[in-house]
């Protein structure tokens, strides 16, 4: 009671790890590409990006961006 159920649309730190946006050697580079795609400041932290995405983005939007980044690797 008192806590809202987690929606499937909420993006978590685990999602960031799965997508290679945190915890990997090239995570900073991949996050920078996401920030660029979203026209956000390049100096945003991973936590700030996560908060922004959950506030105004959708899982589908971010998954599409991550797929485009991965295709360019």
C-alpha atoms as a PDB file:
ATOM      1  CA  UNK A   1       0.000   0.000   0.000  1.00  0.00           C
ATOM      2  CA  UNK A   2       1.181   3.524  -0.758  1.00  0.00           C
ATOM      3  CA  UNK A   3       3.526   2.591  -3.591  1.00  0.00           C
ATOM      4  CA  UNK A   4       2.485   2.702  -7.201  1.00  0.00           C
ATOM      5  CA  UNK A   5       3.002  -0.393  -9.309  1.00  0.00           C
ATOM      6  CA  UNK A   6       5.898  -0.152 -11.743  1.00  0.00           C
ATOM      7  CA  UNK A   7       4.701   0.346 -15.280  1.00  0.00           C
ATOM      8  CA  UNK A   8       6.250  -1.593 -18.133  1.00  0.00           C
ATOM      9  CA  UNK A   9       6.954   1.788 -19.724  1.00  0.00           C
ATOM     10  CA  UNK A  10       9.201   2.988 -16.886  1.00  0.00           C
ATOM     11  CA  UNK A  11      12.815   2.838 -17.964  1.00  0.00           C
ATOM     12  CA  UNK A  12      15.221   1.651 -15.274  1.00  0.00           C
ATOM     13  CA  UNK A  13      18.965   1.524 -14.717  1.00  0.00           C
ATOM     14  CA  UNK A  14      18.731  -2.156 -15.659  1.00  0.00           C
ATOM     15  CA  UNK A  15      17.366  -1.105 -19.055  1.00  0.00           C
ATOM     16  CA  UNK A  16      20.288   1.297 -19.453  1.00  0.00           C
ATOM     17  CA  UNK A  17      22.691  -1.567 -18.737  1.00  0.00           C
ATOM     18  CA  UNK A  18      20.895  -3.901 -21.147  1.00  0.00           C
ATOM     19  CA  UNK A  19      21.038  -1.239 -23.881  1.00  0.00           C
ATOM     20  CA  UNK A  20      24.721  -0.564 -23.195  1.00  0.00           C
ATOM     21  CA  UNK A  21      24.108   2.935 -21.833  1.00  0.00           C
ATOM     22  CA  UNK A  22      25.751   2.168 -18.491  1.00  0.00           C
ATOM     23  CA  UNK A  23      28.269  -0.223 -17.002  1.00  0.00           C
ATOM     24  CA  UNK A  24      30.210  -0.948 -20.184  1.00  0.00           C
ATOM     25  CA  UNK A  25      33.392   0.323 -21.795  1.00  0.00           C
ATOM     26  CA  UNK A  26      31.579   2.273 -24.500  1.00  0.00           C
ATOM     27  CA  UNK A  27      28.594   3.404 -22.401  1.00  0.00           C
ATOM     28  CA  UNK A  28      29.631   7.071 -22.310  1.00  0.00           C
ATOM     29  CA  UNK A  29      29.907   7.105 -26.106  1.00  0.00           C
ATOM     30  CA  UNK A  30      26.504   5.444 -26.490  1.00  0.00           C
ATOM     31  CA  UNK A  31      24.863   7.833 -23.990  1.00  0.00           C
ATOM     32  CA  UNK A  32      26.407  10.766 -25.848  1.00  0.00           C
ATOM     33  CA  UNK A  33      24.784   9.508 -29.046  1.00  0.00           C
ATOM     34  CA  UNK A  34      21.404   9.266 -27.279  1.00  0.00           C
ATOM     35  CA  UNK A  35      21.837  12.774 -25.865  1.00  0.00           C
ATOM     36  CA  UNK A  36      22.658  14.052 -29.349  1.00  0.00           C
ATOM     37  CA  UNK A  37      19.643  12.269 -30.861  1.00  0.00           C
ATOM     38  CA  UNK A  38      17.393  13.873 -28.233  1.00  0.00           C
ATOM     39  CA  UNK A  39      19.084  17.290 -28.651  1.00  0.00           C
ATOM     40  CA  UNK A  40      20.070  17.354 -24.977  1.00  0.00           C
ATOM     41  CA  UNK A  41      23.197  18.831 -23.352  1.00  0.00           C
ATOM     42  CA  UNK A  42      26.227  16.595 -23.817  1.00  0.00           C
ATOM     43  CA  UNK A  43      27.186  16.843 -20.140  1.00  0.00           C
ATOM     44  CA  UNK A  44      24.026  15.227 -18.711  1.00  0.00           C
ATOM     45  CA  UNK A  45      24.711  12.338 -16.352  1.00  0.00           C
ATOM     46  CA  UNK A  46      23.216   8.898 -16.863  1.00  0.00           C
ATOM     47  CA  UNK A  47      20.839   9.511 -13.948  1.00  0.00           C
ATOM     48  CA  UNK A  48      19.726  12.865 -15.370  1.00  0.00           C
ATOM     49  CA  UNK A  49      19.129  11.253 -18.762  1.00  0.00           C
ATOM     50  CA  UNK A  50      17.125   8.466 -17.146  1.00  0.00           C
ATOM     51  CA  UNK A  51      14.997  10.989 -15.246  1.00  0.00           C
ATOM     52  CA  UNK A  52      14.417  13.063 -18.399  1.00  0.00           C
ATOM     53  CA  UNK A  53      13.429  10.045 -20.473  1.00  0.00           C
ATOM     54  CA  UNK A  54      10.940   8.849 -17.865  1.00  0.00           C
ATOM     55  CA  UNK A  55       9.459  12.347 -17.618  1.00  0.00           C
ATOM     56  CA  UNK A  56       8.956  13.091 -21.308  1.00  0.00           C
ATOM     57  CA  UNK A  57       9.979  10.119 -23.440  1.00  0.00           C
ATOM     58  CA  UNK A  58       8.660   6.671 -24.135  1.00  0.00           C
ATOM     59  CA  UNK A  59      10.294   3.268 -24.038  1.00  0.00           C
ATOM     60  CA  UNK A  60       9.591   2.850 -27.754  1.00  0.00           C
ATOM     61  CA  UNK A  61      11.327   6.135 -28.615  1.00  0.00           C
ATOM     62  CA  UNK A  62      14.461   5.251 -26.671  1.00  0.00           C
ATOM     63  CA  UNK A  63      14.559   1.664 -27.930  1.00  0.00           C
ATOM     64  CA  UNK A  64      14.428   3.008 -31.491  1.00  0.00           C
ATOM     65  CA  UNK A  65      17.315   5.407 -30.815  1.00  0.00           C
ATOM     66  CA  UNK A  66      19.369   2.642 -29.169  1.00  0.00           C
ATOM     67  CA  UNK A  67      18.740   0.342 -32.145  1.00  0.00           C
ATOM     68  CA  UNK A  68      19.898   3.060 -34.549  1.00  0.00           C
ATOM     69  CA  UNK A  69      23.044   3.596 -32.483  1.00  0.00           C
ATOM     70  CA  UNK A  70      23.723  -0.142 -32.380  1.00  0.00           C
ATOM     71  CA  UNK A  71      23.248  -0.422 -36.132  1.00  0.00           C
ATOM     72  CA  UNK A  72      25.869   2.279 -36.618  1.00  0.00           C
ATOM     73  CA  UNK A  73      28.507   0.438 -34.550  1.00  0.00           C
END
